[in-house]
């Protein structure tokens, strides 16, 4: 299985300081946790689209290609008011967030 995100991309953006990289990873996962809670906690398509969009951007920044694609699909489904698709993608979404966390050596609550 491929890497969940491209740590080399983080090194290019933030340098090789392990503490700085760990902080970026923690901030990303905080964003992911918050977006996941927002998506799970509402039936409002606009709120879901905003949360997915935020996660899509954060995923793109760290090179989490699969999560970026999933977040984009959730965002598009929410913008189309297709909550059935949003909910159907929930497990895939959470699994990919967990893969990123595991690669970073962090846990998702």
C-alpha atoms as a PDB file:
ATOM      1  CA  UNK A   1       0.000   0.000   0.000  1.00  0.00           C
ATOM      2  CA  UNK A   2       1.261   3.475  -0.778  1.00  0.00           C
ATOM      3  CA  UNK A   3       2.091   6.086   1.819  1.00  0.00           C
ATOM      4  CA  UNK A   4      -0.858   8.012   3.233  1.00  0.00           C
ATOM      5  CA  UNK A   5       1.002  11.308   2.747  1.00  0.00           C
ATOM      6  CA  UNK A   6       4.282  12.606   1.375  1.00  0.00           C
ATOM      7  CA  UNK A   7       6.533  13.484   4.317  1.00  0.00           C
ATOM      8  CA  UNK A   8       9.178  14.607   1.813  1.00  0.00           C
ATOM      9  CA  UNK A   9       6.797  17.352   0.739  1.00  0.00           C
ATOM     10  CA  UNK A  10       6.664  18.593   4.326  1.00  0.00           C
ATOM     11  CA  UNK A  11      10.458  18.609   4.462  1.00  0.00           C
ATOM     12  CA  UNK A  12      10.523  20.714   1.285  1.00  0.00           C
ATOM     13  CA  UNK A  13       8.047  23.191   2.761  1.00  0.00           C
ATOM     14  CA  UNK A  14       9.163  23.316   6.400  1.00  0.00           C
ATOM     15  CA  UNK A  15      12.734  22.014   6.526  1.00  0.00           C
ATOM     16  CA  UNK A  16      14.115  18.990   8.309  1.00  0.00           C
ATOM     17  CA  UNK A  17      13.550  20.058  11.913  1.00  0.00           C
ATOM     18  CA  UNK A  18      11.744  17.055  13.480  1.00  0.00           C
ATOM     19  CA  UNK A  19       9.875  19.261  15.957  1.00  0.00           C
ATOM     20  CA  UNK A  20       8.594  21.562  13.229  1.00  0.00           C
ATOM     21  CA  UNK A  21       7.491  18.595  11.114  1.00  0.00           C
ATOM     22  CA  UNK A  22       5.739  16.985  14.082  1.00  0.00           C
ATOM     23  CA  UNK A  23       3.924  20.254  14.772  1.00  0.00           C
ATOM     24  CA  UNK A  24       2.713  20.477  11.156  1.00  0.00           C
ATOM     25  CA  UNK A  25       1.520  16.854  11.349  1.00  0.00           C
ATOM     26  CA  UNK A  26      -0.318  17.542  14.633  1.00  0.00           C
ATOM     27  CA  UNK A  27      -1.933  20.673  13.178  1.00  0.00           C
ATOM     28  CA  UNK A  28      -3.029  18.737  10.107  1.00  0.00           C
ATOM     29  CA  UNK A  29      -4.567  16.022  12.258  1.00  0.00           C
ATOM     30  CA  UNK A  30      -6.319  18.625  14.418  1.00  0.00           C
ATOM     31  CA  UNK A  31      -7.839  20.002  11.213  1.00  0.00           C
ATOM     32  CA  UNK A  32      -8.806  16.480  10.135  1.00  0.00           C
ATOM     33  CA  UNK A  33     -10.429  15.690  13.490  1.00  0.00           C
ATOM     34  CA  UNK A  34     -12.363  18.955  13.471  1.00  0.00           C
ATOM     35  CA  UNK A  35     -13.544  18.475   9.875  1.00  0.00           C
ATOM     36  CA  UNK A  36     -14.560  14.885  10.591  1.00  0.00           C
ATOM     37  CA  UNK A  37     -16.605  15.946  13.639  1.00  0.00           C
ATOM     38  CA  UNK A  38     -18.256  18.743  11.651  1.00  0.00           C
ATOM     39  CA  UNK A  39     -19.154  16.403   8.793  1.00  0.00           C
ATOM     40  CA  UNK A  40     -20.491  13.746  11.160  1.00  0.00           C
ATOM     41  CA  UNK A  41     -22.388  16.214  13.315  1.00  0.00           C
ATOM     42  CA  UNK A  42     -24.591  17.949  10.777  1.00  0.00           C
ATOM     43  CA  UNK A  43     -27.022  17.420   7.972  1.00  0.00           C
ATOM     44  CA  UNK A  44     -26.267  20.900   6.566  1.00  0.00           C
ATOM     45  CA  UNK A  45     -24.736  20.422   3.108  1.00  0.00           C
ATOM     46  CA  UNK A  46     -23.060  23.855   3.162  1.00  0.00           C
ATOM     47  CA  UNK A  47     -21.334  23.106   6.494  1.00  0.00           C
ATOM     48  CA  UNK A  48     -20.231  19.694   5.231  1.00  0.00           C
ATOM     49  CA  UNK A  49     -18.881  21.237   2.021  1.00  0.00           C
ATOM     50  CA  UNK A  50     -16.903  23.845   4.002  1.00  0.00           C
ATOM     51  CA  UNK A  51     -15.379  21.226   6.312  1.00  0.00           C
ATOM     52  CA  UNK A  52     -14.494  18.949   3.405  1.00  0.00           C
ATOM     53  CA  UNK A  53     -12.991  21.869   1.506  1.00  0.00           C
ATOM     54  CA  UNK A  54     -10.790  22.768   4.479  1.00  0.00           C
ATOM     55  CA  UNK A  55      -9.594  19.183   4.758  1.00  0.00           C
ATOM     56  CA  UNK A  56      -9.044  18.998   1.003  1.00  0.00           C
ATOM     57  CA  UNK A  57      -6.695  21.981   1.196  1.00  0.00           C
ATOM     58  CA  UNK A  58      -4.818  20.662   4.217  1.00  0.00           C
ATOM     59  CA  UNK A  59      -4.484  17.234   2.582  1.00  0.00           C
ATOM     60  CA  UNK A  60      -3.111  18.776  -0.585  1.00  0.00           C
ATOM     61  CA  UNK A  61      -0.532  20.706   1.401  1.00  0.00           C
ATOM     62  CA  UNK A  62       0.933  17.580   3.012  1.00  0.00           C
ATOM     63  CA  UNK A  63       0.645  15.430  -0.092  1.00  0.00           C
ATOM     64  CA  UNK A  64      -2.118  13.146   1.216  1.00  0.00           C
ATOM     65  CA  UNK A  65      -3.380  12.396  -2.286  1.00  0.00           C
ATOM     66  CA  UNK A  66      -6.038   9.803  -1.430  1.00  0.00           C
ATOM     67  CA  UNK A  67      -7.480  11.881   1.412  1.00  0.00           C
ATOM     68  CA  UNK A  68      -7.457  14.964  -0.832  1.00  0.00           C
ATOM     69  CA  UNK A  69      -9.491  13.049  -3.435  1.00  0.00           C
ATOM     70  CA  UNK A  70     -11.926  11.706  -0.848  1.00  0.00           C
ATOM     71  CA  UNK A  71     -12.414  15.158   0.699  1.00  0.00           C
ATOM     72  CA  UNK A  72     -13.007  16.569  -2.780  1.00  0.00           C
ATOM     73  CA  UNK A  73     -15.648  13.911  -3.471  1.00  0.00           C
ATOM     74  CA  UNK A  74     -17.361  14.633  -0.133  1.00  0.00           C
ATOM     75  CA  UNK A  75     -17.298  18.350  -0.896  1.00  0.00           C
ATOM     76  CA  UNK A  76     -18.830  17.809  -4.349  1.00  0.00           C
ATOM     77  CA  UNK A  77     -21.512  15.496  -2.963  1.00  0.00           C
ATOM     78  CA  UNK A  78     -22.392  18.033  -0.260  1.00  0.00           C
ATOM     79  CA  UNK A  79     -22.576  20.867  -2.802  1.00  0.00           C
ATOM     80  CA  UNK A  80     -24.978  18.675  -4.796  1.00  0.00           C
ATOM     81  CA  UNK A  81     -27.024  18.109  -1.587  1.00  0.00           C
ATOM     82  CA  UNK A  82     -26.294  14.373  -1.903  1.00  0.00           C
ATOM     83  CA  UNK A  83     -26.119  13.451   1.782  1.00  0.00           C
ATOM     84  CA  UNK A  84     -26.537   9.764   0.946  1.00  0.00           C
ATOM     85  CA  UNK A  85     -23.158   9.804  -0.827  1.00  0.00           C
ATOM     86  CA  UNK A  86     -21.590  11.883   1.941  1.00  0.00           C
ATOM     87  CA  UNK A  87     -22.676   9.323   4.547  1.00  0.00           C
ATOM     88  CA  UNK A  88     -21.706   6.375   2.350  1.00  0.00           C
ATOM     89  CA  UNK A  89     -18.173   7.779   2.070  1.00  0.00           C
ATOM     90  CA  UNK A  90     -17.884   8.240   5.838  1.00  0.00           C
ATOM     91  CA  UNK A  91     -15.982   4.997   6.528  1.00  0.00           C
ATOM     92  CA  UNK A  92     -13.569   5.549   3.636  1.00  0.00           C
ATOM     93  CA  UNK A  93     -12.981   9.105   4.827  1.00  0.00           C
ATOM     94  CA  UNK A  94     -12.286   8.075   8.448  1.00  0.00           C
ATOM     95  CA  UNK A  95     -10.061   5.196   7.342  1.00  0.00           C
ATOM     96  CA  UNK A  96      -7.883   7.502   5.267  1.00  0.00           C
ATOM     97  CA  UNK A  97      -7.582  10.041   8.093  1.00  0.00           C
ATOM     98  CA  UNK A  98      -6.470   7.141  10.313  1.00  0.00           C
ATOM     99  CA  UNK A  99      -3.861   6.086   7.730  1.00  0.00           C
ATOM    100  CA  UNK A 100      -2.368   9.586   7.746  1.00  0.00           C
ATOM    101  CA  UNK A 101      -2.361   9.621  11.560  1.00  0.00           C
ATOM    102  CA  UNK A 102      -0.719   6.209  11.736  1.00  0.00           C
ATOM    103  CA  UNK A 103       2.015   7.206   9.312  1.00  0.00           C
ATOM    104  CA  UNK A 104       2.675  10.301  11.433  1.00  0.00           C
ATOM    105  CA  UNK A 105       2.772   8.170  14.586  1.00  0.00           C
ATOM    106  CA  UNK A 106      -0.317   9.880  15.997  1.00  0.00           C
ATOM    107  CA  UNK A 107      -3.747   8.611  16.983  1.00  0.00           C
ATOM    108  CA  UNK A 108      -7.215   9.788  16.067  1.00  0.00           C
ATOM    109  CA  UNK A 109      -9.794   9.890  18.849  1.00  0.00           C
END
